[in-house]
Amino acid sequence: MSNVKSKLSKLSAVCLLSTVLLQGCGSSNDNTSSANGSSDAAKTNNSAASADSANSTNNATADSSGNASSNASDNASEPAKLDHVDLTYYFVNSPQADIASVEAALNKLVEPKINATIHLKLVDWGAYDEKMKLVNASGEPYDLAFTATWTNNFYQNVANGAFAPIDDLIDKYAPDTKAGVPDMFWKTVKVKGKTYGVPNFQQATAGYGYLIQKTIADKYKLDWKSVKSLNDLTPFLETIKANEKSLIPFGYNQVQDPFLLATPMFGYEALGDTKTPGWLSLQDGSKVINQYETKAFSDYIHMMRDWYTKGYLRKDAATLKDNTADAKAGKDAIAMGQIDIDTPTFEAAGLKPGGRMSNFNKDVQSYDLQFVKPLLTTDKAAATITAISANSPNKERAMMFINLLNTDPEIYNTITWGVEGKHYKKVADNRIETIKDGGYQTLSPWEFGNMTQTLYFEGDPQGAEVNGVGTKLWADLNRNATPSSALGFVFDFTPVKTEKANCDAVIDELYYAIASGSVDPDKYLPQFIDRMKKAGADKIIAEKQKQLDEWRAANQ
């Protein structure tokens, strides 16, 4: 263990986690929002009614072009009948210099509707997990938090009693939010029959592939459409390493780790979060296995070791929690991607995509190719959720605010894009250009509510805004997604909380050193598996198998 720590210390670098180059939040940030109010999902009523008295609704409807627009009356929720409250909202993103302006603008919209002042508590990507562990353990009475399967772990927090059950609150204060999200998404936020979070309807159906800088692919005549697996990228990386000294051949960070991000790429789906032992084969969906003992994992880490030793990754890859600075500087030649709609599909629809890399740097366009077809799994449908703290003193008002985020386009776009003229400029009725140094550029429309409401930005294909065609592409994909055989199964961590905590500690210490190729897998993989078993991995897997069998029997 001391040897591993020594190697990690040599690899460590001070890094800040920010928006990651992973599209469609399956893991982290999907910044390919083709997002606008669709005529289906944006016809919502802002039922931000008062706790017991105000029953009027605010209508947010979609106009004939599919643009989300609010027809809400200012007094619809009769805020005078509500006592004023303060709501604390924790969420994750990169630091934003002018978040105060956004908070002020947001409250100008929210206070007249529900008589609440929102306090935005933005925590940097790299610090969010630990921060929320401390907040939840301390019993701090906050109100709302962003949670997911990949950060501020939703299922573990439910097992720990950190989040409030909210079925009655949804029915009373957010029926339109409920109606705007497909039923299959709601199944993923239920634990033991109770709902503990509101899923954000966004690009969740998970296809996977890669992104390559367009100039590089064209310059070296790389057959970028021929790739069928990660290993097929090896000759491309070799060419880039030999000829493009200023570029990083393969962009990698902990959130972008392909094995944990793209489980279907390896023939599996996660049950719960992707790190915890216990995956399910897509071919044989009956037996829960230890993913770290599979041939797929062994092949992956040996490939990564080869890439690392040849200099295709940054030397500090094992400890890198974010490479957004590299993406903004156009340094990553190739990156892993969670891709719902790729370049060929956009082009077939008559659109002109700049590619996902252009989300971070408009001068760096990319070809995006999906080579693993979309599949809706529980961990992806639950990849972006808003939950209410069990210790919130204002649960009713917190749900009213969630409803506004999901049904009021003006409120949603304020927290998503900021203040017009300061943080973005309008270039069309439903298209904007973000202002690079404006002080607020989260690039995370998937994070805050129903994404069909979002404005199009420079990362969206040209023409996507016409009649809402861009939103229709991804919204239809999600509504008609192929579900996994275990979609809706939610693993209850409660019986194995201790074992999970022990395994998490081993994973945090060893996994990324092995998975990034930074250490010899033949030496460290056996140690990793042995320590996981001693930490309780087999007990977790047995408990998952038991719960899965019971779930299948009840849902036949």
Protein backbone atom coordinates (compact mmCIF):
# COMPACT_ATOMS: atom_id res chain seq x y z
CA MET A 1 0.00 0.00 0.00
CA SER A 2 2.81 2.38 0.75
CA ASN A 3 4.17 1.76 -2.75
CA VAL A 4 0.85 2.76 -4.26
CA LYS A 5 0.68 5.89 -2.15
CA SER A 6 4.21 6.74 -3.22
CA LYS A 7 3.31 6.34 -6.87
CA LEU A 8 0.17 8.38 -6.44
CA SER A 9 2.03 11.15 -4.67
CA LYS A 10 4.38 11.39 -7.62
CA LEU A 11 1.41 11.58 -9.96
CA SER A 12 -0.65 14.04 -7.95
CA ALA A 13 -1.43 17.50 -9.17
CA VAL A 14 -3.58 20.25 -7.87
CA CYS A 15 -6.71 20.07 -9.99
CA LEU A 16 -10.17 21.47 -9.83
CA LEU A 17 -13.16 19.51 -11.04
CA SER A 18 -15.35 21.40 -13.42
CA THR A 19 -17.56 20.70 -16.34
CA VAL A 20 -16.39 17.48 -17.93
CA LEU A 21 -16.33 16.59 -21.56
CA LEU A 22 -18.92 13.88 -21.12
CA GLN A 23 -22.08 14.46 -22.90
CA GLY A 24 -25.56 14.00 -21.59
CA CYS A 25 -25.02 13.78 -18.02
CA GLY A 26 -24.45 10.14 -17.41
CA SER A 27 -21.74 10.94 -15.39
CA SER A 28 -21.11 14.35 -15.37
CA ASN A 29 -21.78 17.12 -17.79
CA ASP A 30 -23.78 16.88 -20.92
CA ASN A 31 -23.19 20.16 -22.61
CA THR A 32 -24.76 19.20 -25.91
CA SER A 33 -28.09 20.54 -25.00
CA SER A 34 -30.23 20.72 -28.08
CA ALA A 35 -32.59 22.14 -25.70
CA ASN A 36 -35.62 24.15 -26.04
CA GLY A 37 -39.16 23.81 -24.93
CA SER A 38 -40.74 20.89 -26.72
CA SER A 39 -44.43 21.12 -27.38
CA ASP A 40 -44.93 17.91 -25.42
CA ALA A 41 -43.02 18.50 -22.22
CA ALA A 42 -43.08 22.24 -21.95
CA LYS A 43 -46.87 22.50 -21.81
CA THR A 44 -46.75 22.62 -18.07
CA ASN A 45 -48.57 24.53 -15.38
CA ASN A 46 -46.59 26.14 -12.61
CA SER A 47 -48.52 24.75 -9.71
CA ALA A 48 -46.35 26.54 -7.19
CA ALA A 49 -49.25 26.77 -4.84
CA SER A 50 -48.97 27.80 -1.23
CA ALA A 51 -48.57 25.32 1.59
CA ASP A 52 -52.29 25.13 2.33
CA SER A 53 -54.00 28.10 0.80
CA ALA A 54 -52.93 29.16 -2.67
CA ASN A 55 -54.30 26.80 -5.29
CA SER A 56 -53.96 28.88 -8.43
CA THR A 57 -51.53 27.75 -11.13
CA ASN A 58 -49.05 29.47 -13.42
CA ASN A 59 -49.14 28.23 -16.97
CA ALA A 60 -45.89 27.77 -18.84
CA THR A 61 -46.84 26.75 -22.36
CA ALA A 62 -45.01 26.05 -25.58
CA ASP A 63 -45.62 28.39 -28.49
CA SER A 64 -46.18 27.25 -32.06
CA SER A 65 -42.44 27.01 -32.75
CA GLY A 66 -41.85 24.78 -29.75
CA ASN A 67 -40.26 27.51 -27.64
CA ALA A 68 -40.96 27.31 -23.96
CA SER A 69 -42.68 30.46 -22.78
CA SER A 70 -44.26 31.44 -19.51
CA ASN A 71 -47.77 32.82 -19.27
CA ALA A 72 -47.67 32.75 -15.51
CA SER A 73 -49.47 35.52 -13.72
CA ASP A 74 -47.49 37.27 -11.03
CA ASN A 75 -50.01 36.57 -8.31
CA ALA A 76 -50.83 32.98 -9.25
CA SER A 77 -49.43 31.47 -6.08
CA GLU A 78 -50.70 34.24 -3.82
CA PRO A 79 -47.35 34.78 -2.06
CA ALA A 80 -48.93 37.21 0.40
CA LYS A 81 -50.57 34.22 2.06
CA LEU A 82 -47.20 32.54 2.50
CA ASP A 83 -44.72 33.43 5.21
CA HIS A 84 -41.34 34.33 3.75
CA VAL A 85 -38.72 31.57 3.91
CA ASP A 86 -35.09 31.15 2.88
CA LEU A 87 -34.12 28.09 0.85
CA THR A 88 -30.57 26.80 0.68
CA TYR A 89 -29.73 24.97 -2.54
CA TYR A 90 -26.50 22.98 -2.91
CA PHE A 91 -25.35 22.10 -6.39
CA VAL A 92 -22.14 21.22 -8.17
CA ASN A 93 -20.28 23.05 -10.91
CA SER A 94 -17.11 24.99 -11.53
CA PRO A 95 -16.70 28.21 -9.51
CA GLN A 96 -18.62 31.14 -11.02
CA ALA A 97 -17.33 34.65 -10.34
CA ASP A 98 -20.69 36.38 -10.79
CA ILE A 99 -23.05 33.92 -9.15
CA ALA A 100 -24.34 36.73 -6.93
CA SER A 101 -25.93 38.44 -9.95
CA VAL A 102 -27.62 35.20 -10.93
CA GLU A 103 -28.93 34.65 -7.43
CA ALA A 104 -30.35 38.18 -7.36
CA ALA A 105 -32.01 37.77 -10.77
CA LEU A 106 -33.37 34.38 -9.80
CA ASN A 107 -34.93 35.73 -6.63
CA LYS A 108 -36.62 38.58 -8.51
CA LEU A 109 -38.50 35.85 -10.37
CA VAL A 110 -39.02 33.37 -7.54
CA GLU A 111 -40.04 35.62 -4.65
CA PRO A 112 -43.24 36.98 -6.24
CA LYS A 113 -44.37 33.43 -6.96
CA ILE A 114 -43.63 31.52 -3.74
CA ASN A 115 -42.31 34.17 -1.31
CA ALA A 116 -38.96 32.42 -0.91
CA THR A 117 -35.38 33.62 -1.22
CA ILE A 118 -33.01 31.12 -2.82
CA HIS A 119 -29.42 30.93 -1.56
CA LEU A 120 -27.24 29.25 -4.17
CA LYS A 121 -24.48 27.14 -2.63
CA LEU A 122 -22.27 26.16 -5.55
CA VAL A 123 -19.52 23.67 -4.71
CA ASP A 124 -16.65 22.84 -7.07
CA TRP A 125 -16.77 19.46 -8.79
CA GLY A 126 -13.73 18.12 -6.98
CA ALA A 127 -15.03 19.05 -3.55
CA TYR A 128 -18.75 18.31 -3.87
CA ASP A 129 -18.79 14.70 -2.69
CA GLU A 130 -16.84 15.39 0.46
CA LYS A 131 -18.71 18.61 1.15
CA MET A 132 -22.09 16.92 0.98
CA LYS A 133 -20.91 14.02 3.13
CA LEU A 134 -19.98 16.54 5.81
CA VAL A 135 -23.19 18.52 5.39
CA ASN A 136 -25.39 15.42 5.62
CA ALA A 137 -23.44 13.92 8.51
CA SER A 138 -23.63 17.16 10.50
CA GLY A 139 -27.40 17.42 10.24
CA GLU A 140 -27.12 20.91 8.74
CA PRO A 141 -30.67 22.06 7.90
CA TYR A 142 -30.31 22.84 4.19
CA ASP A 143 -33.25 22.48 1.80
CA LEU A 144 -32.26 21.19 -1.64
CA ALA A 145 -29.31 19.43 -3.23
CA PHE A 146 -28.20 18.09 -6.56
CA THR A 147 -27.65 14.36 -6.29
CA ALA A 148 -26.92 11.53 -8.69
CA THR A 149 -25.49 8.05 -9.02
CA TRP A 150 -22.06 9.57 -9.71
CA THR A 151 -21.80 12.34 -7.09
CA ASN A 152 -23.47 12.98 -3.73
CA ASN A 153 -24.64 9.39 -4.15
CA PHE A 154 -28.43 9.36 -4.25
CA TYR A 155 -29.02 5.77 -3.15
CA GLN A 156 -26.47 5.87 -0.38
CA ASN A 157 -27.96 9.11 0.93
CA VAL A 158 -31.42 7.55 0.92
CA ALA A 159 -30.07 4.59 2.89
CA ASN A 160 -28.49 7.02 5.35
CA GLY A 161 -31.72 8.96 5.83
CA ALA A 162 -30.36 12.18 4.33
CA PHE A 163 -33.25 12.82 1.92
CA ALA A 164 -36.96 13.25 2.62
CA PRO A 165 -39.66 11.09 1.01
CA ILE A 166 -41.62 13.44 -1.23
CA ASP A 167 -44.56 11.58 -2.81
CA ASP A 168 -47.22 13.72 -1.10
CA LEU A 169 -45.30 16.92 -1.84
CA ILE A 170 -45.05 16.08 -5.54
CA ASP A 171 -48.75 15.32 -5.79
CA LYS A 172 -49.71 18.55 -4.04
CA TYR A 173 -47.19 21.07 -5.34
CA ALA A 174 -45.66 19.62 -8.50
CA PRO A 175 -48.14 17.53 -10.50
CA ASP A 176 -47.03 19.24 -13.71
CA THR A 177 -43.40 18.44 -13.02
CA LYS A 178 -44.44 14.84 -12.55
CA ALA A 179 -46.37 14.82 -15.81
CA GLY A 180 -43.40 16.24 -17.74
CA VAL A 181 -41.06 13.35 -16.86
CA PRO A 182 -41.62 9.84 -18.31
CA ASP A 183 -42.70 7.19 -15.81
CA MET A 184 -39.57 5.11 -16.40
CA PHE A 185 -37.47 7.92 -14.89
CA TRP A 186 -39.65 8.11 -11.78
CA LYS A 187 -39.10 4.40 -11.12
CA THR A 188 -35.40 5.04 -10.57
CA VAL A 189 -35.93 7.46 -7.67
CA LYS A 190 -38.16 5.15 -5.66
CA VAL A 191 -36.69 3.17 -2.79
CA LYS A 192 -38.93 0.71 -0.95
CA GLY A 193 -41.96 2.26 -2.62
CA LYS A 194 -41.20 5.88 -1.68
CA THR A 195 -39.93 8.68 -3.93
CA TYR A 196 -36.86 10.52 -2.66
CA GLY A 197 -35.94 12.81 -5.55
CA VAL A 198 -37.14 14.57 -8.68
CA PRO A 199 -35.32 13.36 -11.81
CA ASN A 200 -34.35 16.04 -14.30
CA PHE A 201 -35.64 15.10 -17.73
CA GLN A 202 -32.53 15.40 -19.86
CA GLN A 203 -30.36 13.46 -22.29
CA ALA A 204 -30.19 10.32 -20.17
CA THR A 205 -30.45 7.58 -22.75
CA ALA A 206 -26.86 6.51 -22.86
CA GLY A 207 -25.02 5.79 -26.05
CA TYR A 208 -21.24 5.92 -25.94
CA GLY A 209 -18.37 6.67 -28.24
CA TYR A 210 -15.64 9.23 -28.66
CA LEU A 211 -14.86 12.77 -29.79
CA ILE A 212 -11.96 13.71 -32.04
CA GLN A 213 -10.85 17.18 -33.07
CA LYS A 214 -12.07 17.76 -36.59
CA THR A 215 -8.84 19.44 -37.72
CA ILE A 216 -6.79 16.46 -36.53
CA ALA A 217 -9.03 13.85 -38.17
CA ASP A 218 -9.02 15.80 -41.44
CA LYS A 219 -5.29 16.62 -41.38
CA TYR A 220 -4.21 12.98 -41.02
CA LYS A 221 -7.16 11.53 -42.96
CA LEU A 222 -8.19 9.40 -39.99
CA ASP A 223 -11.15 7.13 -40.69
CA TRP A 224 -12.99 8.34 -37.64
CA LYS A 225 -16.25 6.62 -38.57
CA SER A 226 -14.60 3.18 -38.55
CA VAL A 227 -14.12 2.99 -34.77
CA LYS A 228 -16.04 0.18 -33.07
CA SER A 229 -14.25 0.03 -29.71
CA LEU A 230 -11.83 2.00 -27.55
CA ASN A 231 -8.97 -0.18 -28.70
CA ASP A 232 -9.57 0.98 -32.28
CA LEU A 233 -8.38 4.43 -31.18
CA THR A 234 -4.82 3.19 -30.60
CA PRO A 235 -3.45 3.98 -34.10
CA PHE A 236 -5.06 7.42 -33.98
CA LEU A 237 -3.38 8.12 -30.64
CA GLU A 238 -0.06 6.93 -32.00
CA THR A 239 -0.32 9.36 -34.93
CA ILE A 240 -1.25 12.26 -32.67
CA LYS A 241 1.54 11.54 -30.18
CA ALA A 242 4.13 11.42 -32.96
CA ASN A 243 3.04 14.58 -34.76
CA GLU A 244 1.14 16.92 -32.43
CA LYS A 245 3.47 17.71 -29.55
CA SER A 246 1.19 20.40 -28.09
CA LEU A 247 -1.81 18.08 -27.75
CA ILE A 248 -2.79 15.46 -25.20
CA PRO A 249 -3.72 12.42 -27.30
CA PHE A 250 -6.42 11.11 -24.93
CA GLY A 251 -8.23 13.30 -22.41
CA TYR A 252 -8.84 11.45 -19.14
CA ASN A 253 -9.97 12.35 -15.66
CA GLN A 254 -11.66 10.48 -12.85
CA VAL A 255 -15.18 11.43 -13.92
CA GLN A 256 -14.39 10.43 -17.51
CA ASP A 257 -13.03 7.00 -16.65
CA PRO A 258 -14.51 4.88 -19.46
CA PHE A 259 -15.04 1.72 -17.41
CA LEU A 260 -17.13 3.47 -14.77
CA LEU A 261 -18.84 5.88 -17.14
CA ALA A 262 -19.75 3.56 -20.01
CA THR A 263 -20.72 0.23 -18.49
CA PRO A 264 -22.63 -0.94 -21.63
CA MET A 265 -19.43 -0.46 -23.64
CA PHE A 266 -18.05 -3.41 -21.67
CA GLY A 267 -21.23 -5.49 -21.84
CA TYR A 268 -22.63 -4.64 -18.40
CA GLU A 269 -24.92 -2.35 -16.50
CA ALA A 270 -24.45 -1.06 -12.99
CA LEU A 271 -26.86 -1.82 -10.17
CA GLY A 272 -26.73 1.31 -8.07
CA ASP A 273 -23.62 3.42 -8.58
CA THR A 274 -20.98 2.16 -10.97
CA LYS A 275 -18.13 1.89 -8.46
CA THR A 276 -19.79 -0.42 -5.96
CA PRO A 277 -19.17 -4.14 -6.65
CA GLY A 278 -22.05 -5.86 -8.39
CA TRP A 279 -22.83 -5.38 -12.09
CA LEU A 280 -25.20 -7.25 -14.36
CA SER A 281 -24.30 -8.73 -17.75
CA LEU A 282 -26.35 -7.37 -20.64
CA GLN A 283 -26.34 -10.84 -22.20
CA ASP A 284 -27.25 -12.76 -19.06
CA GLY A 285 -29.29 -10.42 -16.92
CA SER A 286 -29.75 -12.84 -14.05
CA LYS A 287 -26.43 -13.10 -12.21
CA VAL A 288 -24.76 -10.26 -10.32
CA ILE A 289 -20.97 -10.35 -10.70
CA ASN A 290 -17.91 -8.48 -9.44
CA GLN A 291 -17.02 -6.23 -12.37
CA TYR A 292 -13.42 -5.97 -11.20
CA GLU A 293 -12.91 -9.71 -11.68
CA THR A 294 -14.11 -9.76 -15.29
CA LYS A 295 -12.01 -10.23 -18.41
CA ALA A 296 -13.48 -6.95 -19.69
CA PHE A 297 -11.89 -5.03 -16.82
CA SER A 298 -8.58 -6.82 -17.17
CA ASP A 299 -8.47 -6.08 -20.90
CA TYR A 300 -9.37 -2.45 -20.26
CA ILE A 301 -6.68 -1.75 -17.68
CA HIS A 302 -4.01 -3.47 -19.77
CA MET A 303 -5.00 -1.28 -22.73
CA MET A 304 -4.84 1.80 -20.51
CA ARG A 305 -1.45 0.75 -19.19
CA ASP A 306 -0.20 0.53 -22.76
CA TRP A 307 -1.62 3.98 -23.56
CA TYR A 308 -0.20 5.51 -20.40
CA THR A 309 3.30 4.16 -20.85
CA LYS A 310 3.31 5.49 -24.43
CA GLY A 311 2.40 8.96 -23.24
CA TYR A 312 -1.13 9.14 -24.58
CA LEU A 313 -2.51 10.37 -21.22
CA ARG A 314 -1.38 13.08 -18.85
CA LYS A 315 1.15 11.87 -16.32
CA ASP A 316 -1.12 12.94 -13.47
CA ALA A 317 -4.15 11.09 -14.89
CA ALA A 318 -4.67 9.00 -11.75
CA THR A 319 -5.31 12.02 -9.55
CA LEU A 320 -6.88 14.32 -12.13
CA LYS A 321 -10.44 15.13 -11.14
CA ASP A 322 -11.00 17.58 -13.95
CA ASN A 323 -9.47 18.50 -17.28
CA THR A 324 -11.79 21.33 -18.24
CA ALA A 325 -8.86 23.71 -18.60
CA ASP A 326 -7.41 21.36 -21.22
CA ALA A 327 -10.75 21.24 -23.03
CA LYS A 328 -11.08 25.02 -23.05
CA ALA A 329 -7.52 25.33 -24.35
CA GLY A 330 -8.22 22.77 -27.08
CA LYS A 331 -5.51 20.41 -25.81
CA ASP A 332 -7.43 17.12 -25.85
CA ALA A 333 -7.20 15.53 -29.29
CA ILE A 334 -9.53 12.65 -28.43
CA ALA A 335 -11.91 12.14 -25.52
CA MET A 336 -14.41 9.60 -24.32
CA GLY A 337 -18.03 10.65 -24.76
CA GLN A 338 -21.50 9.75 -23.58
CA ILE A 339 -23.29 10.51 -26.82
CA ASP A 340 -26.99 10.49 -27.42
CA ILE A 341 -26.91 12.05 -30.90
CA ASP A 342 -23.68 11.92 -32.89
CA THR A 343 -22.32 13.84 -35.85
CA PRO A 344 -23.66 11.50 -38.58
CA THR A 345 -27.15 11.57 -37.02
CA PHE A 346 -27.23 15.38 -36.83
CA GLU A 347 -26.01 15.64 -40.40
CA ALA A 348 -28.67 13.18 -41.57
CA ALA A 349 -31.26 15.50 -40.00
CA GLY A 350 -29.90 18.41 -42.03
CA LEU A 351 -28.15 20.07 -39.09
CA LYS A 352 -24.59 21.41 -38.88
CA PRO A 353 -23.02 20.26 -35.61
CA GLY A 354 -19.87 21.83 -34.24
CA GLY A 355 -19.33 18.80 -32.04
CA ARG A 356 -19.15 18.51 -28.28
CA MET A 357 -15.62 19.87 -28.04
CA SER A 358 -16.91 23.21 -29.31
CA ASN A 359 -18.96 23.52 -26.11
CA PHE A 360 -15.74 24.46 -24.35
CA ASN A 361 -13.94 26.24 -27.16
CA LYS A 362 -15.96 27.44 -30.14
CA ASP A 363 -12.83 27.30 -32.31
CA VAL A 364 -12.31 23.58 -31.62
CA GLN A 365 -14.86 21.55 -33.53
CA SER A 366 -15.10 17.80 -33.23
CA TYR A 367 -16.50 14.75 -34.89
CA ASP A 368 -18.58 12.80 -32.37
CA LEU A 369 -19.17 9.12 -33.05
CA GLN A 370 -21.43 6.77 -31.11
CA PHE A 371 -20.36 3.15 -31.36
CA VAL A 372 -22.37 1.75 -28.43
CA LYS A 373 -26.09 2.14 -29.02
CA PRO A 374 -28.35 3.94 -26.51
CA LEU A 375 -29.70 2.00 -23.58
CA LEU A 376 -31.63 3.44 -20.66
CA THR A 377 -30.33 2.01 -17.41
CA THR A 378 -31.23 2.89 -13.84
CA ASP A 379 -27.92 4.60 -13.15
CA LYS A 380 -28.34 6.88 -16.20
CA ALA A 381 -32.00 7.69 -15.61
CA ALA A 382 -30.95 8.63 -12.07
CA ALA A 383 -27.87 10.55 -13.21
CA THR A 384 -29.27 13.99 -12.36
CA ILE A 385 -31.74 14.50 -9.51
CA THR A 386 -32.89 17.22 -7.15
CA ALA A 387 -33.63 16.03 -3.62
CA ILE A 388 -35.03 17.68 -0.51
CA SER A 389 -33.06 17.31 2.69
CA ALA A 390 -34.65 15.29 5.48
CA ASN A 391 -33.62 18.18 7.75
CA SER A 392 -35.19 20.91 5.63
CA PRO A 393 -37.50 23.14 7.68
CA ASN A 394 -39.27 24.20 4.46
CA LYS A 395 -40.03 21.04 2.52
CA GLU A 396 -43.26 22.36 0.98
CA ARG A 397 -41.62 25.51 -0.32
CA ALA A 398 -38.63 23.53 -1.55
CA MET A 399 -40.97 21.44 -3.68
CA MET A 400 -42.62 24.59 -5.03
CA PHE A 401 -39.19 25.78 -6.14
CA ILE A 402 -38.44 22.43 -7.79
CA ASN A 403 -41.71 22.78 -9.65
CA LEU A 404 -40.71 26.23 -10.90
CA LEU A 405 -37.37 24.89 -12.11
CA ASN A 406 -39.23 22.26 -14.12
CA THR A 407 -42.10 24.33 -15.48
CA ASP A 408 -41.07 27.99 -15.67
CA PRO A 409 -38.64 28.55 -18.58
CA GLU A 410 -37.59 32.00 -17.38
CA ILE A 411 -36.57 30.72 -13.96
CA TYR A 412 -34.95 27.62 -15.41
CA ASN A 413 -32.91 29.57 -17.96
CA THR A 414 -31.82 32.16 -15.40
CA ILE A 415 -30.18 29.56 -13.17
CA THR A 416 -28.88 27.69 -16.22
CA TRP A 417 -27.48 30.56 -18.31
CA GLY A 418 -27.48 33.62 -16.06
CA VAL A 419 -28.46 37.21 -16.85
CA GLU A 420 -28.99 38.36 -20.41
CA GLY A 421 -26.46 41.00 -21.43
CA LYS A 422 -24.03 39.99 -18.66
CA HIS A 423 -23.60 36.27 -19.10
CA TYR A 424 -25.05 35.67 -22.54
CA LYS A 425 -26.45 37.56 -25.49
CA LYS A 426 -29.53 36.64 -27.49
CA VAL A 427 -28.86 35.95 -31.16
CA ALA A 428 -32.37 34.69 -31.90
CA ASP A 429 -35.58 34.19 -29.97
CA ASN A 430 -34.43 30.86 -28.60
CA ARG A 431 -30.66 30.88 -29.25
CA ILE A 432 -27.90 32.52 -27.24
CA GLU A 433 -24.16 32.95 -27.22
CA THR A 434 -22.52 32.71 -23.83
CA ILE A 435 -20.10 35.46 -22.84
CA LYS A 436 -16.84 33.73 -22.08
CA ASP A 437 -15.63 36.12 -19.38
CA GLY A 438 -19.07 37.15 -18.15
CA GLY A 439 -18.68 35.40 -14.81
CA TYR A 440 -21.35 32.72 -15.19
CA GLN A 441 -20.95 29.85 -17.63
CA THR A 442 -22.08 26.57 -16.06
CA LEU A 443 -22.77 24.85 -19.38
CA SER A 444 -25.00 22.39 -17.50
CA PRO A 445 -28.60 22.64 -18.70
CA TRP A 446 -29.14 19.05 -17.54
CA GLU A 447 -28.53 19.98 -13.90
CA PHE A 448 -31.46 22.15 -12.89
CA GLY A 449 -34.79 20.83 -14.16
CA ASN A 450 -36.66 19.76 -17.27
CA MET A 451 -34.14 20.40 -20.05
CA THR A 452 -36.76 20.81 -22.76
CA GLN A 453 -37.02 24.40 -21.55
CA THR A 454 -33.44 25.39 -22.25
CA LEU A 455 -32.24 27.92 -24.78
CA TYR A 456 -29.93 26.75 -27.56
CA PHE A 457 -26.35 27.90 -27.29
CA GLU A 458 -23.22 27.87 -29.43
CA GLY A 459 -22.58 24.21 -28.65
CA ASP A 460 -25.81 23.18 -30.35
CA PRO A 461 -25.92 22.41 -34.07
CA GLN A 462 -26.89 25.28 -36.32
CA GLY A 463 -30.53 24.85 -37.27
CA ALA A 464 -31.41 22.84 -34.16
CA GLU A 465 -33.54 25.74 -32.93
CA VAL A 466 -35.82 25.76 -35.98
CA ASN A 467 -39.19 24.40 -34.88
CA GLY A 468 -37.49 22.77 -31.91
CA VAL A 469 -35.99 20.01 -34.05
CA GLY A 470 -32.92 19.67 -31.83
CA THR A 471 -34.94 19.11 -28.68
CA LYS A 472 -37.29 16.76 -30.48
CA LEU A 473 -34.36 14.54 -31.49
CA TRP A 474 -33.14 13.91 -27.94
CA ALA A 475 -36.54 14.08 -26.20
CA ASP A 476 -37.99 11.44 -28.53
CA LEU A 477 -34.87 9.34 -28.03
CA ASN A 478 -35.40 9.42 -24.27
CA ARG A 479 -39.13 8.83 -24.37
CA ASN A 480 -38.72 5.88 -26.73
CA ALA A 481 -35.54 4.53 -25.17
CA THR A 482 -34.72 0.85 -25.07
CA PRO A 483 -34.88 0.01 -21.36
CA SER A 484 -32.48 -2.38 -19.72
CA SER A 485 -33.90 -5.55 -18.23
CA ALA A 486 -33.24 -4.13 -14.76
CA LEU A 487 -34.58 -0.61 -15.34
CA GLY A 488 -36.36 0.45 -12.19
CA PHE A 489 -34.44 -1.86 -9.89
CA VAL A 490 -33.03 0.22 -7.08
CA PHE A 491 -30.48 -1.32 -4.76
CA ASP A 492 -31.04 -0.57 -1.09
CA PHE A 493 -27.60 -0.12 0.48
CA THR A 494 -28.92 -0.21 4.04
CA PRO A 495 -28.09 -3.87 4.86
CA VAL A 496 -24.49 -3.42 3.67
CA LYS A 497 -23.70 0.18 4.58
CA THR A 498 -20.53 -0.77 6.43
CA GLU A 499 -19.24 -2.98 3.63
CA LYS A 500 -19.96 -0.30 1.05
CA ALA A 501 -18.05 2.30 3.05
CA ASN A 502 -15.11 -0.09 3.36
CA CYS A 503 -15.12 -0.86 -0.37
CA ASP A 504 -15.41 2.82 -1.23
CA ALA A 505 -12.24 3.48 0.75
CA VAL A 506 -10.32 0.82 -1.17
CA ILE A 507 -11.65 2.12 -4.50
CA ASP A 508 -10.71 5.69 -3.68
CA GLU A 509 -7.18 4.59 -2.81
CA LEU A 510 -6.39 2.21 -5.65
CA TYR A 511 -8.90 2.25 -8.51
CA TYR A 512 -7.82 5.29 -10.53
CA ALA A 513 -4.15 4.42 -10.34
CA ILE A 514 -4.99 1.07 -11.91
CA ALA A 515 -7.69 2.23 -14.33
CA SER A 516 -5.65 5.12 -15.73
CA GLY A 517 -2.75 2.81 -16.48
CA SER A 518 -0.51 4.63 -14.04
CA VAL A 519 0.59 1.43 -12.27
CA ASP A 520 1.28 -2.12 -13.40
CA PRO A 521 -2.07 -3.95 -13.46
CA ASP A 522 -0.44 -7.37 -13.12
CA LYS A 523 0.94 -6.29 -9.76
CA TYR A 524 -1.86 -4.14 -8.40
CA LEU A 525 -5.09 -5.73 -9.70
CA PRO A 526 -4.70 -8.86 -7.50
CA GLN A 527 -4.05 -6.62 -4.48
CA PHE A 528 -7.10 -4.52 -5.34
CA ILE A 529 -9.42 -7.52 -5.66
CA ASP A 530 -8.09 -9.09 -2.46
CA ARG A 531 -8.62 -5.93 -0.47
CA MET A 532 -12.10 -5.47 -1.91
CA LYS A 533 -13.05 -8.96 -0.81
CA LYS A 534 -11.73 -8.28 2.68
CA ALA A 535 -13.74 -5.05 2.71
CA GLY A 536 -16.97 -6.96 2.03
CA ALA A 537 -17.41 -7.01 -1.75
CA ASP A 538 -18.85 -10.54 -1.79
CA LYS A 539 -21.44 -9.64 0.83
CA ILE A 540 -22.54 -6.61 -1.22
CA ILE A 541 -22.86 -8.76 -4.35
CA ALA A 542 -24.88 -11.40 -2.50
CA GLU A 543 -27.22 -8.71 -1.16
CA LYS A 544 -27.65 -7.23 -4.64
CA GLN A 545 -28.45 -10.68 -6.02
CA LYS A 546 -31.03 -11.25 -3.28
CA GLN A 547 -32.74 -7.91 -3.87
CA LEU A 548 -32.66 -8.30 -7.66
CA ASP A 549 -34.26 -11.74 -7.46
CA GLU A 550 -36.99 -10.39 -5.19
CA TRP A 551 -37.56 -7.43 -7.51
CA ARG A 552 -37.85 -9.66 -10.57
CA ALA A 553 -40.30 -11.97 -8.80
CA ALA A 554 -42.47 -9.00 -7.84
CA ASN A 555 -42.36 -7.48 -11.33
CA GLN A 556 -42.97 -10.49 -13.55
